[in-house]
Each structure stands twice: as C-alpha cells, then as structure tokens.
PDB file of N, CA and C in Angstrom:
ATOM      1  N   MET A   1      99.482 131.381  39.329  1.00  0.00           N
ATOM      2  CA  MET A   1     100.714 130.641  39.471  1.00  0.00           C
ATOM      3  C   MET A   1     100.626 129.771  40.721  1.00  0.00           C
ATOM      4  N   THR A   2     101.159 128.577  40.653  1.00  0.00           N
ATOM      5  CA  THR A   2     101.201 127.682  41.801  1.00  0.00           C
ATOM      6  C   THR A   2     102.643 127.551  42.271  1.00  0.00           C
ATOM      7  N   TYR A   3     102.864 127.823  43.552  1.00  0.00           N
ATOM      8  CA  TYR A   3     104.205 127.750  44.115  1.00  0.00           C
ATOM      9  C   TYR A   3     104.495 126.337  44.622  1.00  0.00           C
ATOM     10  N   ASN A   4     105.755 125.914  44.459  1.00  0.00           N
ATOM     11  CA  ASN A   4     106.147 124.652  45.072  1.00  0.00           C
ATOM     12  C   ASN A   4     106.581 124.926  46.513  1.00  0.00           C
ATOM     13  N   ARG A   5     106.809 123.890  47.257  1.00  0.00           N
ATOM     14  CA  ARG A   5     107.142 123.992  48.689  1.00  0.00           C
ATOM     15  C   ARG A   5     108.374 124.860  48.923  1.00  0.00           C
ATOM     16  N   GLU A   6     109.410 124.672  48.099  1.00  0.00           N
ATOM     17  CA  GLU A   6     110.650 125.424  48.270  1.00  0.00           C
ATOM     18  C   GLU A   6     110.423 126.926  48.049  1.00  0.00           C
ATOM     19  N   THR A   7     109.608 127.257  47.071  1.00  0.00           N
ATOM     20  CA  THR A   7     109.316 128.660  46.786  1.00  0.00           C
ATOM     21  C   THR A   7     108.559 129.296  47.945  1.00  0.00           C
ATOM     22  N   ILE A   8     107.603 128.574  48.481  1.00  0.00           N
ATOM     23  CA  ILE A   8     106.827 129.078  49.625  1.00  0.00           C
ATOM     24  C   ILE A   8     107.740 129.313  50.819  1.00  0.00           C
ATOM     25  N   ILE A   9     108.623 128.357  51.082  1.00  0.00           N
ATOM     26  CA  ILE A   9     109.553 128.490  52.207  1.00  0.00           C
ATOM     27  C   ILE A   9     110.470 129.684  51.996  1.00  0.00           C
ATOM     28  N   GLU A  10     111.011 129.822  50.797  1.00  0.00           N
ATOM     29  CA  GLU A  10     111.924 130.921  50.495  1.00  0.00           C
ATOM     30  C   GLU A  10     111.237 132.274  50.640  1.00  0.00           C
ATOM     31  N   LYS A  11     110.038 132.402  50.091  1.00  0.00           N
ATOM     32  CA  LYS A  11     109.312 133.670  50.158  1.00  0.00           C
ATOM     33  C   LYS A  11     108.934 134.014  51.599  1.00  0.00           C
ATOM     34  N   ASN A  12     108.498 133.022  52.367  1.00  0.00           N
ATOM     35  CA  ASN A  12     108.140 133.276  53.763  1.00  0.00           C
ATOM     36  C   ASN A  12     109.365 133.566  54.617  1.00  0.00           C
ATOM     37  N   ALA A  13     110.492 132.951  54.303  1.00  0.00           N
ATOM     38  CA  ALA A  13     111.725 133.251  55.036  1.00  0.00           C
ATOM     39  C   ALA A  13     112.134 134.703  54.811  1.00  0.00           C
ATOM     40  N   THR A  14     112.011 135.165  53.583  1.00  0.00           N
ATOM     41  CA  THR A  14     112.334 136.555  53.275  1.00  0.00           C
ATOM     42  C   THR A  14     111.397 137.501  54.016  1.00  0.00           C
ATOM     43  N   LEU A  15     110.104 137.216  53.976  1.00  0.00           N
ATOM     44  CA  LEU A  15     109.138 138.059  54.687  1.00  0.00           C
ATOM     45  C   LEU A  15     109.408 138.064  56.188  1.00  0.00           C
ATOM     46  N   SER A  16     109.703 136.897  56.744  1.00  0.00           N
ATOM     47  CA  SER A  16     109.976 136.792  58.181  1.00  0.00           C
ATOM     48  C   SER A  16     111.204 137.599  58.571  1.00  0.00           C
ATOM     49  N   PHE A  17     112.264 137.473  57.774  1.00  0.00           N
ATOM     50  CA  PHE A  17     113.488 138.221  58.034  1.00  0.00           C
ATOM     51  C   PHE A  17     113.210 139.721  58.005  1.00  0.00           C
ATOM     52  N   GLU A  18     112.498 140.163  56.987  1.00  0.00           N
ATOM     53  CA  GLU A  18     112.203 141.585  56.850  1.00  0.00           C
ATOM     54  C   GLU A  18     111.276 142.076  57.966  1.00  0.00           C
ATOM     55  N   PHE A  19     110.339 141.241  58.405  1.00  0.00           N
ATOM     56  CA  PHE A  19     109.456 141.641  59.501  1.00  0.00           C
ATOM     57  C   PHE A  19     110.254 141.755  60.802  1.00  0.00           C
ATOM     58  N   GLU A  20     111.202 140.861  61.012  1.00  0.00           N
ATOM     59  CA  GLU A  20     112.069 140.959  62.191  1.00  0.00           C
ATOM     60  C   GLU A  20     112.866 142.266  62.157  1.00  0.00           C
ATOM     61  N   ARG A  21     113.405 142.609  61.002  1.00  0.00           N
ATOM     62  CA  ARG A  21     114.137 143.876  60.866  1.00  0.00           C
ATOM     63  C   ARG A  21     113.205 145.059  61.153  1.00  0.00           C
ATOM     64  N   TYR A  22     111.982 144.973  60.660  1.00  0.00           N
ATOM     65  CA  TYR A  22     111.013 146.041  60.898  1.00  0.00           C
ATOM     66  C   TYR A  22     110.743 146.191  62.394  1.00  0.00           C
ATOM     67  N   MET A  23     110.585 145.082  63.097  1.00  0.00           N
ATOM     68  CA  MET A  23     110.321 145.129  64.533  1.00  0.00           C
ATOM     69  C   MET A  23     111.502 145.735  65.291  1.00  0.00           C
ATOM     70  N   LEU A  24     112.736 145.449  64.833  1.00  0.00           N
ATOM     71  CA  LEU A  24     113.907 146.045  65.479  1.00  0.00           C
ATOM     72  C   LEU A  24     113.919 147.565  65.295  1.00  0.00           C
ATOM     73  N   GLU A  25     113.485 148.022  64.134  1.00  0.00           N
ATOM     74  CA  GLU A  25     113.458 149.451  63.845  1.00  0.00           C
ATOM     75  C   GLU A  25     112.224 150.146  64.424  1.00  0.00           C
ATOM     76  N   HIS A  26     111.169 149.379  64.681  1.00  0.00           N
ATOM     77  CA  HIS A  26     109.912 149.922  65.216  1.00  0.00           C
ATOM     78  C   HIS A  26     109.444 149.049  66.389  1.00  0.00           C
ATOM     79  N   PRO A  27     110.147 149.099  67.513  1.00  0.00           N
ATOM     80  CA  PRO A  27     109.840 148.198  68.635  1.00  0.00           C
ATOM     81  C   PRO A  27     108.438 148.379  69.221  1.00  0.00           C
ATOM     82  N   ALA A  28     107.803 149.498  68.988  1.00  0.00           N
ATOM     83  CA  ALA A  28     106.453 149.715  69.517  1.00  0.00           C
ATOM     84  C   ALA A  28     105.457 148.709  68.955  1.00  0.00           C
ATOM     85  N   ILE A  29     105.747 148.177  67.778  1.00  0.00           N
ATOM     86  CA  ILE A  29     104.822 147.204  67.184  1.00  0.00           C
ATOM     87  C   ILE A  29     104.737 145.930  68.026  1.00  0.00           C
ATOM     88  N   LEU A  30     105.809 145.624  68.748  1.00  0.00           N
ATOM     89  CA  LEU A  30     105.816 144.428  69.596  1.00  0.00           C
ATOM     90  C   LEU A  30     104.751 144.504  70.686  1.00  0.00           C
ATOM     91  N   GLU A  31     104.443 145.706  71.136  1.00  0.00           N
ATOM     92  CA  GLU A  31     103.420 145.890  72.167  1.00  0.00           C
ATOM     93  C   GLU A  31     102.040 145.493  71.661  1.00  0.00           C
ATOM     94  N   ARG A  32     101.858 145.482  70.362  1.00  0.00           N
ATOM     95  CA  ARG A  32     100.549 145.155  69.775  1.00  0.00           C
ATOM     96  C   ARG A  32     100.412 143.676  69.454  1.00  0.00           C
ATOM     97  N   ILE A  33     101.488 142.901  69.663  1.00  0.00           N
ATOM     98  CA  ILE A  33     101.444 141.463  69.395  1.00  0.00           C
ATOM     99  C   ILE A  33     101.379 140.736  70.738  1.00  0.00           C
ATOM    100  N   PRO A  34     100.271 140.053  71.012  1.00  0.00           N
ATOM    101  CA  PRO A  34     100.141 139.363  72.299  1.00  0.00           C
ATOM    102  C   PRO A  34     101.215 138.286  72.476  1.00  0.00           C
ATOM    103  N   SER A  35     101.595 138.062  73.701  1.00  0.00           N
ATOM    104  CA  SER A  35     102.573 137.021  74.009  1.00  0.00           C
ATOM    105  C   SER A  35     102.050 135.663  73.534  1.00  0.00           C
ATOM    106  N   GLY A  36     102.897 134.917  72.872  1.00  0.00           N
ATOM    107  CA  GLY A  36     102.521 133.587  72.388  1.00  0.00           C
ATOM    108  C   GLY A  36     101.678 133.589  71.129  1.00  0.00           C
ATOM    109  N   ALA A  37     101.498 134.753  70.522  1.00  0.00           N
ATOM    110  CA  ALA A  37     100.651 134.838  69.331  1.00  0.00           C
ATOM    111  C   ALA A  37     101.352 134.228  68.125  1.00  0.00           C
ATOM    112  N   GLU A  38     100.551 133.667  67.253  1.00  0.00           N
ATOM    113  CA  GLU A  38     101.041 133.216  65.956  1.00  0.00           C
ATOM    114  C   GLU A  38     100.932 134.413  65.016  1.00  0.00           C
ATOM    115  N   VAL A  39     102.038 134.737  64.343  1.00  0.00           N
ATOM    116  CA  VAL A  39     102.060 135.872  63.418  1.00  0.00           C
ATOM    117  C   VAL A  39     101.999 135.325  61.996  1.00  0.00           C
ATOM    118  N   VAL A  40     101.008 135.777  61.238  1.00  0.00           N
ATOM    119  CA  VAL A  40     100.817 135.325  59.867  1.00  0.00           C
ATOM    120  C   VAL A  40     101.074 136.504  58.934  1.00  0.00           C
ATOM    121  N   LEU A  41     102.038 136.337  58.045  1.00  0.00           N
ATOM    122  CA  LEU A  41     102.419 137.397  57.122  1.00  0.00           C
ATOM    123  C   LEU A  41     101.646 137.253  55.813  1.00  0.00           C
ATOM    124  N   LEU A  42     100.976 138.339  55.423  1.00  0.00           N
ATOM    125  CA  LEU A  42     100.116 138.328  54.242  1.00  0.00           C
ATOM    126  C   LEU A  42     100.567 139.422  53.272  1.00  0.00           C
ATOM    127  N   PRO A  43     101.334 139.039  52.242  1.00  0.00           N
ATOM    128  CA  PRO A  43     101.837 140.033  51.290  1.00  0.00           C
ATOM    129  C   PRO A  43     100.787 140.404  50.239  1.00  0.00           C
ATOM    130  N   ASN A  44     100.357 141.672  50.255  1.00  0.00           N
ATOM    131  CA  ASN A  44      99.343 142.130  49.295  1.00  0.00           C
ATOM    132  C   ASN A  44      99.838 142.079  47.853  1.00  0.00           C
ATOM    133  N   ASP A  45     101.143 142.185  47.647  1.00  0.00           N
ATOM    134  CA  ASP A  45     101.669 142.187  46.282  1.00  0.00           C
ATOM    135  C   ASP A  45     101.935 140.782  45.742  1.00  0.00           C
ATOM    136  N   ASP A  46     101.581 139.756  46.525  1.00  0.00           N
ATOM    137  CA  ASP A  46     101.743 138.358  46.098  1.00  0.00           C
ATOM    138  C   ASP A  46     100.471 137.597  46.473  1.00  0.00           C
ATOM    139  N   PRO A  47      99.420 137.716  45.650  1.00  0.00           N
ATOM    140  CA  PRO A  47      98.120 137.120  45.984  1.00  0.00           C
ATOM    141  C   PRO A  47      98.179 135.616  46.268  1.00  0.00           C
ATOM    142  N   GLU A  48      99.029 134.893  45.556  1.00  0.00           N
ATOM    143  CA  GLU A  48      99.119 133.437  45.774  1.00  0.00           C
ATOM    144  C   GLU A  48      99.678 133.128  47.161  1.00  0.00           C
ATOM    145  N   LEU A  49     100.750 133.802  47.551  1.00  0.00           N
ATOM    146  CA  LEU A  49     101.329 133.557  48.877  1.00  0.00           C
ATOM    147  C   LEU A  49     100.381 134.052  49.970  1.00  0.00           C
ATOM    148  N   TYR A  50      99.713 135.161  49.729  1.00  0.00           N
ATOM    149  CA  TYR A  50      98.712 135.662  50.665  1.00  0.00           C
ATOM    150  C   TYR A  50      97.667 134.572  50.920  1.00  0.00           C
ATOM    151  N   ARG A  51      97.142 134.009  49.842  1.00  0.00           N
ATOM    152  CA  ARG A  51      96.111 132.965  49.955  1.00  0.00           C
ATOM    153  C   ARG A  51      96.646 131.741  50.687  1.00  0.00           C
ATOM    154  N   LEU A  52      97.840 131.289  50.322  1.00  0.00           N
ATOM    155  CA  LEU A  52      98.424 130.103  50.947  1.00  0.00           C
ATOM    156  C   LEU A  52      98.661 130.308  52.442  1.00  0.00           C
ATOM    157  N   ASN A  53      99.214 131.464  52.803  1.00  0.00           N
ATOM    158  CA  ASN A  53      99.475 131.738  54.216  1.00  0.00           C
ATOM    159  C   ASN A  53      98.180 131.859  55.017  1.00  0.00           C
ATOM    160  N   LEU A  54      97.169 132.489  54.420  1.00  0.00           N
ATOM    161  CA  LEU A  54      95.884 132.628  55.088  1.00  0.00           C
ATOM    162  C   LEU A  54      95.227 131.268  55.289  1.00  0.00           C
ATOM    163  N   GLU A  55      95.250 130.433  54.249  1.00  0.00           N
ATOM    164  CA  GLU A  55      94.670 129.086  54.361  1.00  0.00           C
ATOM    165  C   GLU A  55      95.395 128.256  55.416  1.00  0.00           C
ATOM    166  N   ALA A  56      96.717 128.330  55.430  1.00  0.00           N
ATOM    167  CA  ALA A  56      97.494 127.568  56.411  1.00  0.00           C
ATOM    168  C   ALA A  56      97.147 128.024  57.829  1.00  0.00           C
ATOM    169  N   ALA A  57      96.992 129.317  58.017  1.00  0.00           N
ATOM    170  CA  ALA A  57      96.666 129.837  59.344  1.00  0.00           C
ATOM    171  C   ALA A  57      95.261 129.426  59.775  1.00  0.00           C
ATOM    172  N   GLN A  58      94.343 129.387  58.834  1.00  0.00           N
ATOM    173  CA  GLN A  58      92.959 129.057  59.164  1.00  0.00           C
ATOM    174  C   GLN A  58      92.763 127.562  59.441  1.00  0.00           C
ATOM    175  N   THR A  59      93.622 126.729  58.887  1.00  0.00           N
ATOM    176  CA  THR A  59      93.469 125.284  59.091  1.00  0.00           C
ATOM    177  C   THR A  59      94.376 124.749  60.198  1.00  0.00           C
ATOM    178  N   ALA A  60      95.309 125.559  60.690  1.00  0.00           N
ATOM    179  CA  ALA A  60      96.250 125.105  61.724  1.00  0.00           C
ATOM    180  C   ALA A  60      95.558 125.031  63.081  1.00  0.00           C
ATOM    181  N   ASP A  61      96.043 124.117  63.920  1.00  0.00           N
ATOM    182  CA  ASP A  61      95.571 124.058  65.301  1.00  0.00           C
ATOM    183  C   ASP A  61      96.167 125.248  66.045  1.00  0.00           C
ATOM    184  N   LYS A  62      95.306 126.082  66.558  1.00  0.00           N
ATOM    185  CA  LYS A  62      95.771 127.293  67.216  1.00  0.00           C
ATOM    186  C   LYS A  62      95.809 127.088  68.725  1.00  0.00           C
ATOM    187  N   VAL A  63      96.927 127.449  69.314  1.00  0.00           N
ATOM    188  CA  VAL A  63      97.083 127.354  70.758  1.00  0.00           C
ATOM    189  C   VAL A  63      96.812 128.710  71.397  1.00  0.00           C
ATOM    190  N   GLY A  64      97.236 129.761  70.718  1.00  0.00           N
ATOM    191  CA  GLY A  64      97.067 131.114  71.245  1.00  0.00           C
ATOM    192  C   GLY A  64      96.444 132.018  70.209  1.00  0.00           C
ATOM    193  N   PRO A  65      96.535 133.311  70.461  1.00  0.00           N
ATOM    194  CA  PRO A  65      95.954 134.272  69.507  1.00  0.00           C
ATOM    195  C   PRO A  65      96.722 134.289  68.184  1.00  0.00           C
ATOM    196  N   VAL A  66      96.063 134.793  67.161  1.00  0.00           N
ATOM    197  CA  VAL A  66      96.673 134.932  65.839  1.00  0.00           C
ATOM    198  C   VAL A  66      96.654 136.412  65.461  1.00  0.00           C
ATOM    199  N   VAL A  67      97.786 136.896  64.961  1.00  0.00           N
ATOM    200  CA  VAL A  67      97.894 138.273  64.482  1.00  0.00           C
ATOM    201  C   VAL A  67      98.263 138.203  63.009  1.00  0.00           C
ATOM    202  N   TYR A  68      97.463 138.849  62.186  1.00  0.00           N
ATOM    203  CA  TYR A  68      97.729 138.905  60.753  1.00  0.00           C
ATOM    204  C   TYR A  68      98.450 140.215  60.438  1.00  0.00           C
ATOM    205  N   VAL A  69      99.526 140.133  59.681  1.00  0.00           N
ATOM    206  CA  VAL A  69     100.285 141.308  59.280  1.00  0.00           C
ATOM    207  C   VAL A  69     100.154 141.427  57.769  1.00  0.00           C
ATOM    208  N   GLU A  70      99.348 142.392  57.329  1.00  0.00           N
ATOM    209  CA  GLU A  70      99.225 142.634  55.902  1.00  0.00           C
ATOM    210  C   GLU A  70     100.368 143.543  55.473  1.00  0.00           C
ATOM    211  N   ILE A  71     101.101 143.101  54.470  1.00  0.00           N
ATOM    212  CA  ILE A  71     102.284 143.812  53.997  1.00  0.00           C
ATOM    213  C   ILE A  71     101.994 144.335  52.601  1.00  0.00           C
ATOM    214  N   GLU A  72     102.122 145.630  52.425  1.00  0.00           N
ATOM    215  CA  GLU A  72     101.837 146.227  51.111  1.00  0.00           C
ATOM    216  C   GLU A  72     102.788 145.685  50.046  1.00  0.00           C
ATOM    217  N   ALA A  73     104.101 145.734  50.323  1.00  0.00           N
ATOM    218  CA  ALA A  73     105.099 145.256  49.363  1.00  0.00           C
ATOM    219  C   ALA A  73     106.467 145.264  50.032  1.00  0.00           C
ATOM    220  N   LEU A  74     107.415 144.619  49.400  1.00  0.00           N
ATOM    221  CA  LEU A  74     108.811 144.684  49.826  1.00  0.00           C
ATOM    222  C   LEU A  74     109.522 145.699  48.934  1.00  0.00           C
ATOM    223  N   ALA A  75     110.260 146.589  49.553  1.00  0.00           N
ATOM    224  CA  ALA A  75     111.074 147.520  48.780  1.00  0.00           C
ATOM    225  C   ALA A  75     112.241 146.737  48.186  1.00  0.00           C
ATOM    226  N   PRO A  76     112.807 147.223  47.092  1.00  0.00           N
ATOM    227  CA  PRO A  76     113.955 146.527  46.511  1.00  0.00           C
ATOM    228  C   PRO A  76     115.113 146.433  47.504  1.00  0.00           C
ATOM    229  N   ALA A  77     115.806 145.319  47.467  1.00  0.00           N
ATOM    230  CA  ALA A  77     116.970 145.131  48.337  1.00  0.00           C
ATOM    231  C   ALA A  77     118.061 146.105  47.920  1.00  0.00           C
ATOM    232  N   ARG A  78     118.759 146.631  48.913  1.00  0.00           N
ATOM    233  CA  ARG A  78     119.836 147.582  48.646  1.00  0.00           C
ATOM    234  C   ARG A  78     121.087 147.131  49.377  1.00  0.00           C
ATOM    235  N   SER A  79     122.196 147.412  48.801  1.00  0.00           N
ATOM    236  CA  SER A  79     123.469 147.119  49.437  1.00  0.00           C
ATOM    237  C   SER A  79     123.779 148.195  50.470  1.00  0.00           C
ATOM    238  N   ARG A  80     124.441 147.797  51.535  1.00  0.00           N
ATOM    239  CA  ARG A  80     124.864 148.755  52.549  1.00  0.00           C
ATOM    240  C   ARG A  80     126.371 149.000  52.497  1.00  0.00           C
ATOM    241  N   LEU A  81     127.044 148.518  51.457  1.00  0.00           N
ATOM    242  CA  LEU A  81     128.484 148.743  51.313  1.00  0.00           C
ATOM    243  C   LEU A  81     128.755 150.223  51.087  1.00  0.00           C
ATOM    244  N   VAL A  82     129.832 150.706  51.659  1.00  0.00           N
ATOM    245  CA  VAL A  82     130.233 152.099  51.482  1.00  0.00           C
ATOM    246  C   VAL A  82     131.526 152.121  50.679  1.00  0.00           C
ATOM    247  N   LYS A  83     131.489 152.756  49.543  1.00  0.00           N
ATOM    248  CA  LYS A  83     132.641 152.944  48.659  1.00  0.00           C
ATOM    249  C   LYS A  83     133.481 151.675  48.445  1.00  0.00           C
ATOM    250  N   PRO A  84     132.899 150.612  47.955  1.00  0.00           N
ATOM    251  CA  PRO A  84     133.733 149.436  47.665  1.00  0.00           C
ATOM    252  C   PRO A  84     134.673 149.746  46.499  1.00  0.00           C
ATOM    253  N   ARG A  85     135.852 149.165  46.524  1.00  0.00           N
ATOM    254  CA  ARG A  85     136.764 149.374  45.394  1.00  0.00           C
ATOM    255  C   ARG A  85     137.421 148.049  45.054  1.00  0.00           C
ATOM    256  N   LEU A  86     137.592 147.843  43.804  1.00  0.00           N
ATOM    257  CA  LEU A  86     138.234 146.636  43.311  1.00  0.00           C
ATOM    258  C   LEU A  86     139.718 146.895  43.180  1.00  0.00           C
ATOM    259  N   THR A  87     140.508 145.891  43.510  1.00  0.00           N
ATOM    260  CA  THR A  87     141.950 146.028  43.413  1.00  0.00           C
ATOM    261  C   THR A  87     142.567 144.661  43.159  1.00  0.00           C
ATOM    262  N   THR A  88     143.716 144.657  42.562  1.00  0.00           N
ATOM    263  CA  THR A  88     144.432 143.391  42.381  1.00  0.00           C
ATOM    264  C   THR A  88     145.442 143.183  43.505  1.00  0.00           C
ATOM    265  N   ARG A  89     145.661 144.254  44.298  1.00  0.00           N
ATOM    266  CA  ARG A  89     146.589 144.169  45.426  1.00  0.00           C
ATOM    267  C   ARG A  89     145.928 144.834  46.633  1.00  0.00           C
ATOM    268  N   PRO A  90     145.444 144.058  47.587  1.00  0.00           N
ATOM    269  CA  PRO A  90     144.797 144.663  48.745  1.00  0.00           C
ATOM    270  C   PRO A  90     145.794 145.384  49.638  1.00  0.00           C
ATOM    271  N   ALA A  91     145.292 146.372  50.353  1.00  0.00           N
ATOM    272  CA  ALA A  91     146.127 147.100  51.313  1.00  0.00           C
ATOM    273  C   ALA A  91     146.563 146.139  52.410  1.00  0.00           C
ATOM    274  N   LEU A  92     147.758 146.342  52.926  1.00  0.00           N
ATOM    275  CA  LEU A  92     148.245 145.493  54.004  1.00  0.00           C
ATOM    276  C   LEU A  92     147.537 145.793  55.320  1.00  0.00           C
ATOM    277  N   ARG A  93     146.967 146.946  55.401  1.00  0.00           N
ATOM    278  CA  ARG A  93     146.204 147.333  56.591  1.00  0.00           C
ATOM    279  C   ARG A  93     145.005 148.153  56.120  1.00  0.00           C
ATOM    280  N   PRO A  94     143.977 148.227  56.935  1.00  0.00           N
ATOM    281  CA  PRO A  94     142.803 149.019  56.538  1.00  0.00           C
ATOM    282  C   PRO A  94     143.182 150.475  56.318  1.00  0.00           C
ATOM    283  N   VAL A  95     142.588 151.066  55.314  1.00  0.00           N
ATOM    284  CA  VAL A  95     142.800 152.471  54.999  1.00  0.00           C
ATOM    285  C   VAL A  95     141.868 153.287  55.886  1.00  0.00           C
ATOM    286  N   ALA A  96     142.392 154.313  56.533  1.00  0.00           N
ATOM    287  CA  ALA A  96     141.555 155.168  57.385  1.00  0.00           C
ATOM    288  C   ALA A  96     140.519 155.881  56.544  1.00  0.00           C
ATOM    289  N   ALA A  97     139.320 155.996  57.097  1.00  0.00           N
ATOM    290  CA  ALA A  97     138.222 156.642  56.362  1.00  0.00           C
ATOM    291  C   ALA A  97     138.339 158.131  56.370  1.00  0.00           C
TER     292      ALA A  97
END
C-alpha cells in the first residue's frame, strides 16, 4: 500500500502523541534520549510507515544524534469516561459521585 502525505502525517501524529504519553508514564526513558536528538518512530505493525520513516531519517540532514524507537503496535484506543448517562434533561448541578 502507498500512503499519501495526509495519511503519513496523521499516522505519525498519532504515534508521536502516544510516544509523548508513554514518556510521561515512563520518564526514565527520557534519560536514554540524548539532548537534541532526532527521534524516529518505527511501527513494526505498519511496514510501509516503518519504511517511509526510516528512509526520511536516513536522507535528512542530521544536526545531532538520532534515536530510533521501534514500536511493536498500538493498543486499541479506549475511552476514559466513567459511567456516562444519556438524558433529555441534564441535572442543574453535578451529581455527587
């Protein structure tokens, strides 16, 4: 499959967002990324994007070190809502939990 520019941007934005969340949950990983490093995300479950990101990193002018992050897969997105309920008349004030 060949991705268009918008698809590549969308997929990389999702990976970047998720990697940022991962770093917030696992701050020790930041110690392994040199200051000023270019981080290249390589999704193993998406061979086309893996190839495109790797090629882009290899042909780019590099100013500093490069760190490759191989990602096995993205887990399915989950909602974090707690007990949502549908109503035709909302409460006038929040209901105590």
